[in-house]
C-alpha atoms as a PDB file:
ATOM      1  CA  MET A   1       0.000   0.000   0.000  1.00  0.00           C
ATOM      2  CA  ALA A   2       1.315   3.442  -0.901  1.00  0.00           C
ATOM      3  CA  GLN A   3       2.172   5.760   1.951  1.00  0.00           C
ATOM      4  CA  PRO A   4      -0.947   7.766   2.883  1.00  0.00           C
ATOM      5  CA  TYR A   5      -1.297  11.500   3.172  1.00  0.00           C
ATOM      6  CA  VAL A   6      -1.459  12.845   6.720  1.00  0.00           C
ATOM      7  CA  GLY A   7      -5.171  13.345   7.431  1.00  0.00           C
ATOM      8  CA  GLU A   8      -6.308  10.927   4.726  1.00  0.00           C
ATOM      9  CA  ILE A   9      -9.527   9.145   5.660  1.00  0.00           C
ATOM     10  CA  ARG A  10     -10.223   5.628   4.424  1.00  0.00           C
ATOM     11  CA  MET A  11     -12.922   3.056   4.918  1.00  0.00           C
ATOM     12  CA  PHE A  12     -11.562   0.002   6.717  1.00  0.00           C
ATOM     13  CA  ALA A  13     -13.242  -3.392   7.147  1.00  0.00           C
ATOM     14  CA  GLY A  14     -11.183  -4.445  10.184  1.00  0.00           C
ATOM     15  CA  ASN A  15     -12.241  -4.179  13.815  1.00  0.00           C
ATOM     16  CA  PHE A  16      -9.078  -2.307  14.859  1.00  0.00           C
ATOM     17  CA  ALA A  17      -7.238   0.766  13.580  1.00  0.00           C
ATOM     18  CA  PRO A  18      -3.854  -0.140  12.033  1.00  0.00           C
ATOM     19  CA  ALA A  19      -0.667   1.412  13.423  1.00  0.00           C
ATOM     20  CA  GLY A  20      -0.452   5.091  12.460  1.00  0.00           C
ATOM     21  CA  TRP A  21      -4.204   5.362  11.989  1.00  0.00           C
ATOM     22  CA  MET A  22      -7.106   6.135  14.359  1.00  0.00           C
ATOM     23  CA  PHE A  23     -10.842   5.620  14.121  1.00  0.00           C
ATOM     24  CA  CYS A  24     -12.792   8.752  13.141  1.00  0.00           C
ATOM     25  CA  GLU A  25     -14.742   8.948  16.407  1.00  0.00           C
ATOM     26  CA  GLY A  26     -14.379  12.620  17.342  1.00  0.00           C
ATOM     27  CA  GLN A  27     -11.767  11.919  19.990  1.00  0.00           C
ATOM     28  CA  LEU A  28      -9.558  14.731  21.312  1.00  0.00           C
ATOM     29  CA  LEU A  29      -5.836  14.407  20.620  1.00  0.00           C
ATOM     30  CA  PRO A  30      -2.956  16.351  22.169  1.00  0.00           C
ATOM     31  CA  ILE A  31      -1.519  18.870  19.715  1.00  0.00           C
ATOM     32  CA  SER A  32       1.976  18.284  21.116  1.00  0.00           C
ATOM     33  CA  GLU A  33       1.910  14.642  19.946  1.00  0.00           C
ATOM     34  CA  ASN A  34       0.175  15.251  16.592  1.00  0.00           C
ATOM     35  CA  GLU A  35       1.487  18.581  15.313  1.00  0.00           C
ATOM     36  CA  THR A  36       1.480  17.648  11.615  1.00  0.00           C
ATOM     37  CA  LEU A  37      -2.138  16.501  11.625  1.00  0.00           C
ATOM     38  CA  PHE A  38      -3.095  19.578  13.667  1.00  0.00           C
ATOM     39  CA  GLN A  39      -1.478  21.803  10.986  1.00  0.00           C
ATOM     40  CA  LEU A  40      -3.902  20.315   8.468  1.00  0.00           C
ATOM     41  CA  ILE A  41      -7.202  20.172  10.331  1.00  0.00           C
ATOM     42  CA  GLY A  42      -6.727  22.560  13.266  1.00  0.00           C
ATOM     43  CA  THR A  43      -9.900  22.811  15.333  1.00  0.00           C
ATOM     44  CA  THR A  44     -12.206  22.227  12.361  1.00  0.00           C
ATOM     45  CA  TYR A  45     -13.760  19.260  14.181  1.00  0.00           C
ATOM     46  CA  GLY A  46     -13.351  20.539  17.755  1.00  0.00           C
ATOM     47  CA  GLY A  47     -10.782  20.961  20.495  1.00  0.00           C
ATOM     48  CA  ASP A  48      -9.495  24.062  22.241  1.00  0.00           C
ATOM     49  CA  GLY A  49      -6.664  24.778  19.770  1.00  0.00           C
ATOM     50  CA  GLN A  50      -4.243  25.312  22.666  1.00  0.00           C
ATOM     51  CA  SER A  51      -3.575  21.778  23.808  1.00  0.00           C
ATOM     52  CA  THR A  52      -6.143  19.623  21.972  1.00  0.00           C
ATOM     53  CA  PHE A  53      -7.881  19.166  18.643  1.00  0.00           C
ATOM     54  CA  ALA A  54     -10.545  16.675  17.576  1.00  0.00           C
ATOM     55  CA  LEU A  55     -10.694  14.091  14.844  1.00  0.00           C
ATOM     56  CA  PRO A  56     -13.781  13.965  12.622  1.00  0.00           C
ATOM     57  CA  ASP A  57     -16.619  11.949  14.157  1.00  0.00           C
ATOM     58  CA  LEU A  58     -18.098   9.677  11.494  1.00  0.00           C
ATOM     59  CA  ARG A  59     -19.942   7.342  13.867  1.00  0.00           C
ATOM     60  CA  GLY A  60     -23.424   6.860  12.434  1.00  0.00           C
ATOM     61  CA  ARG A  61     -22.766   9.472   9.723  1.00  0.00           C
ATOM     62  CA  ILE A  62     -22.462   9.451   5.949  1.00  0.00           C
ATOM     63  CA  PRO A  63     -19.650  11.729   4.711  1.00  0.00           C
ATOM     64  CA  ILE A  64     -20.491  14.181   1.920  1.00  0.00           C
ATOM     65  CA  HIS A  65     -18.210  16.497  -0.052  1.00  0.00           C
ATOM     66  CA  GLN A  66     -18.351  20.207   0.771  1.00  0.00           C
ATOM     67  CA  GLY A  67     -20.187  22.498  -1.613  1.00  0.00           C
ATOM     68  CA  ASN A  68     -23.813  23.203  -2.567  1.00  0.00           C
ATOM     69  CA  ASP A  69     -24.451  24.937   0.778  1.00  0.00           C
ATOM     70  CA  SER A  70     -22.470  22.340   2.790  1.00  0.00           C
ATOM     71  CA  ILE A  71     -19.278  23.487   4.483  1.00  0.00           C
ATOM     72  CA  LEU A  72     -16.374  21.473   5.858  1.00  0.00           C
ATOM     73  CA  ALA A  73     -17.209  19.869   9.247  1.00  0.00           C
ATOM     74  CA  GLU A  74     -20.904  20.771   9.003  1.00  0.00           C
ATOM     75  CA  THR A  75     -23.261  18.101  10.334  1.00  0.00           C
ATOM     76  CA  GLY A  76     -26.890  17.575   9.459  1.00  0.00           C
ATOM     77  CA  GLY A  77     -29.704  15.141   8.981  1.00  0.00           C
ATOM     78  CA  ALA A  78     -31.778  13.257  11.510  1.00  0.00           C
ATOM     79  CA  GLU A  79     -31.794   9.623  12.563  1.00  0.00           C
ATOM     80  CA  GLU A  80     -35.518   9.730  13.346  1.00  0.00           C
ATOM     81  CA  ILE A  81     -38.276  11.937  11.982  1.00  0.00           C
ATOM     82  CA  THR A  82     -41.947  12.455  12.750  1.00  0.00           C
ATOM     83  CA  LEU A  83     -44.056  13.434   9.767  1.00  0.00           C
ATOM     84  CA  THR A  84     -46.482  16.305  10.163  1.00  0.00           C
ATOM     85  CA  VAL A  85     -49.839  16.617   8.411  1.00  0.00           C
ATOM     86  CA  ASN A  86     -48.262  19.054   5.930  1.00  0.00           C
ATOM     87  CA  GLN A  87     -45.645  16.441   4.901  1.00  0.00           C
ATOM     88  CA  ILE A  88     -48.161  13.711   4.078  1.00  0.00           C
ATOM     89  CA  ALA A  89     -49.651  13.633   0.580  1.00  0.00           C
ATOM     90  CA  ALA A  90     -53.146  15.114   0.368  1.00  0.00           C
ATOM     91  CA  HIS A  91     -55.696  12.323   0.543  1.00  0.00           C
ATOM     92  CA  SER A  92     -59.083  11.443   2.000  1.00  0.00           C
ATOM     93  CA  HIS A  93     -60.845   8.417   3.383  1.00  0.00           C
ATOM     94  CA  PRO A  94     -64.398   8.740   2.086  1.00  0.00           C
ATOM     95  CA  ALA A  95     -66.954   6.358   3.528  1.00  0.00           C
ATOM     96  CA  LEU A  96     -69.928   5.725   1.252  1.00  0.00           C
ATOM     97  CA  ALA A  97     -73.286   4.053   1.774  1.00  0.00           C
ATOM     98  CA  SER A  98     -76.295   3.345  -0.401  1.00  0.00           C
ATOM     99  CA  THR A  99     -79.819   4.662   0.146  1.00  0.00           C
ATOM    100  CA  ALA A 100     -81.199   1.460  -1.425  1.00  0.00           C
ATOM    101  CA  THR A 101     -82.556  -1.426   0.593  1.00  0.00           C
ATOM    102  CA  ALA A 102     -79.956  -4.089   1.342  1.00  0.00           C
ATOM    103  CA  GLU A 103     -80.009  -7.148  -0.947  1.00  0.00           C
ATOM    104  CA  ALA A 104     -76.697  -8.909  -0.275  1.00  0.00           C
ATOM    105  CA  LEU A 105     -74.975 -10.734   2.564  1.00  0.00           C
ATOM    106  CA  THR A 106     -71.376  -9.858   1.580  1.00  0.00           C
ATOM    107  CA  PRO A 107     -69.574  -6.530   1.166  1.00  0.00           C
ATOM    108  CA  VAL A 108     -67.749  -7.530  -2.070  1.00  0.00           C
ATOM    109  CA  GLY A 109     -68.892  -5.122  -4.797  1.00  0.00           C
ATOM    110  CA  ASN A 110     -71.515  -3.640  -2.476  1.00  0.00           C
ATOM    111  CA  LEU A 111     -71.986  -0.766  -0.038  1.00  0.00           C
ATOM    112  CA  PRO A 112     -73.616  -0.572   3.380  1.00  0.00           C
ATOM    113  CA  ALA A 113     -77.345   0.035   2.785  1.00  0.00           C
ATOM    114  CA  GLN A 114     -80.747   0.446   4.426  1.00  0.00           C
ATOM    115  CA  PRO A 115     -81.292  -2.648   6.546  1.00  0.00           C
ATOM    116  CA  SER A 116     -83.640  -5.416   5.505  1.00  0.00           C
ATOM    117  CA  THR A 117     -84.082  -8.901   6.912  1.00  0.00           C
ATOM    118  CA  LEU A 118     -80.525 -10.250   7.443  1.00  0.00           C
ATOM    119  CA  ARG A 119     -79.134  -8.224   4.549  1.00  0.00           C
ATOM    120  CA  ILE A 120     -77.043  -5.092   4.972  1.00  0.00           C
ATOM    121  CA  TYR A 121     -75.387  -4.549   1.542  1.00  0.00           C
ATOM    122  CA  ALA A 122     -76.668  -3.284  -1.813  1.00  0.00           C
ATOM    123  CA  PRO A 123     -75.167  -2.649  -5.262  1.00  0.00           C
ATOM    124  CA  PRO A 124     -73.437   0.765  -5.410  1.00  0.00           C
ATOM    125  CA  GLY A 125     -76.265   2.627  -7.225  1.00  0.00           C
ATOM    126  CA  THR A 126     -76.089   6.241  -6.009  1.00  0.00           C
ATOM    127  CA  PRO A 127     -73.701   6.361  -3.032  1.00  0.00           C
ATOM    128  CA  VAL A 128     -74.248   8.850  -0.233  1.00  0.00           C
ATOM    129  CA  PRO A 129     -71.278  10.142   1.818  1.00  0.00           C
ATOM    130  CA  MET A 130     -71.372   9.197   5.475  1.00  0.00           C
ATOM    131  CA  ALA A 131     -70.703  11.567   8.358  1.00  0.00           C
ATOM    132  CA  PRO A 132     -67.136  12.991   8.370  1.00  0.00           C
ATOM    133  CA  ASN A 133     -66.422  11.362  11.722  1.00  0.00           C
ATOM    134  CA  ALA A 134     -67.458   7.902  10.458  1.00  0.00           C
ATOM    135  CA  ILE A 135     -63.786   7.002  10.124  1.00  0.00           C
ATOM    136  CA  ALA A 136     -61.622   7.719  13.145  1.00  0.00           C
ATOM    137  CA  PRO A 137     -58.169   9.298  12.780  1.00  0.00           C
ATOM    138  CA  VAL A 138     -55.240   6.905  12.878  1.00  0.00           C
ATOM    139  CA  GLY A 139     -51.545   7.230  13.658  1.00  0.00           C
ATOM    140  CA  GLY A 140     -49.626   8.017  16.772  1.00  0.00           C
ATOM    141  CA  SER A 141     -47.211  10.706  15.523  1.00  0.00           C
ATOM    142  CA  GLN A 142     -44.315   8.532  16.626  1.00  0.00           C
ATOM    143  CA  PRO A 143     -40.877   9.088  15.073  1.00  0.00           C
ATOM    144  CA  HIS A 144     -39.533   6.472  12.693  1.00  0.00           C
ATOM    145  CA  THR A 145     -36.002   5.685  11.631  1.00  0.00           C
ATOM    146  CA  ASN A 146     -34.849   7.452   8.511  1.00  0.00           C
ATOM    147  CA  PHE A 147     -31.897   5.469   7.107  1.00  0.00           C
ATOM    148  CA  GLN A 148     -30.990   4.686   3.547  1.00  0.00           C
ATOM    149  CA  PRO A 149     -29.799   1.080   3.102  1.00  0.00           C
ATOM    150  CA  TYR A 150     -26.311   0.840   4.581  1.00  0.00           C
ATOM    151  CA  LEU A 151     -23.375  -1.378   5.480  1.00  0.00           C
ATOM    152  CA  CYS A 152     -21.377  -0.422   8.546  1.00  0.00           C
ATOM    153  CA  VAL A 153     -17.594  -0.129   8.084  1.00  0.00           C
ATOM    154  CA  ASP A 154     -14.997   1.824  10.034  1.00  0.00           C
ATOM    155  CA  PHE A 155     -13.498   5.117   8.912  1.00  0.00           C
ATOM    156  CA  ILE A 156      -9.854   5.622   9.852  1.00  0.00           C
ATOM    157  CA  ILE A 157      -7.654   8.707   9.582  1.00  0.00           C
ATOM    158  CA  SER A 158      -3.901   8.676   8.980  1.00  0.00           C
ATOM    159  CA  LEU A 159      -1.832  10.343  11.705  1.00  0.00           C
ATOM    160  CA  PHE A 160       1.406  10.125   9.722  1.00  0.00           C
ATOM    161  CA  GLY A 161       2.543  10.035   6.123  1.00  0.00           C
ATOM    162  CA  ILE A 162       3.127  12.479   3.306  1.00  0.00           C
ATOM    163  CA  PHE A 163       2.233  16.089   4.039  1.00  0.00           C
ATOM    164  CA  PRO A 164      -0.144  17.072   1.220  1.00  0.00           C
ATOM    165  CA  SER A 165       0.849  19.973  -1.001  1.00  0.00           C
ATOM    166  CA  PRO A 166      -1.931  22.348  -2.119  1.00  0.00           C
ATOM    167  CA  THR A 167      -0.470  22.469  -5.654  1.00  0.00           C
END
């Protein structure tokens, strides 16, 4: 493997960080022991800038490239969301009934109708809307997870290596 750049982040399938690399878990590092990496990332991801700086924290996050209103080290998104009425597509739940006298025993192809002896359904004919409260509201406004399909792997950052040149 070619020598990495200092600060290079890679995906890694192992369950440990190789020598010279650390997991991207937002941990604070002493500047005095990691001066080269600090020169590159400073306090972009946290730390006091006097004695410590932080590594990027990619736990449970998807990295995106900066641009299009996203800036370096910006975080966003939500693991759980609760939809509001304004976010649900407009729809209704009409309940219809027939004014005809019931002629059938089953609901298939029929509507609730005027009762008759042991029959409560009739062919659709001219349906009449039922009272608006005939169907009770549903839902509990509980949050739900909001993840795209994913595979969990580790992200590691190089502490040592080639110092990248801007040109």
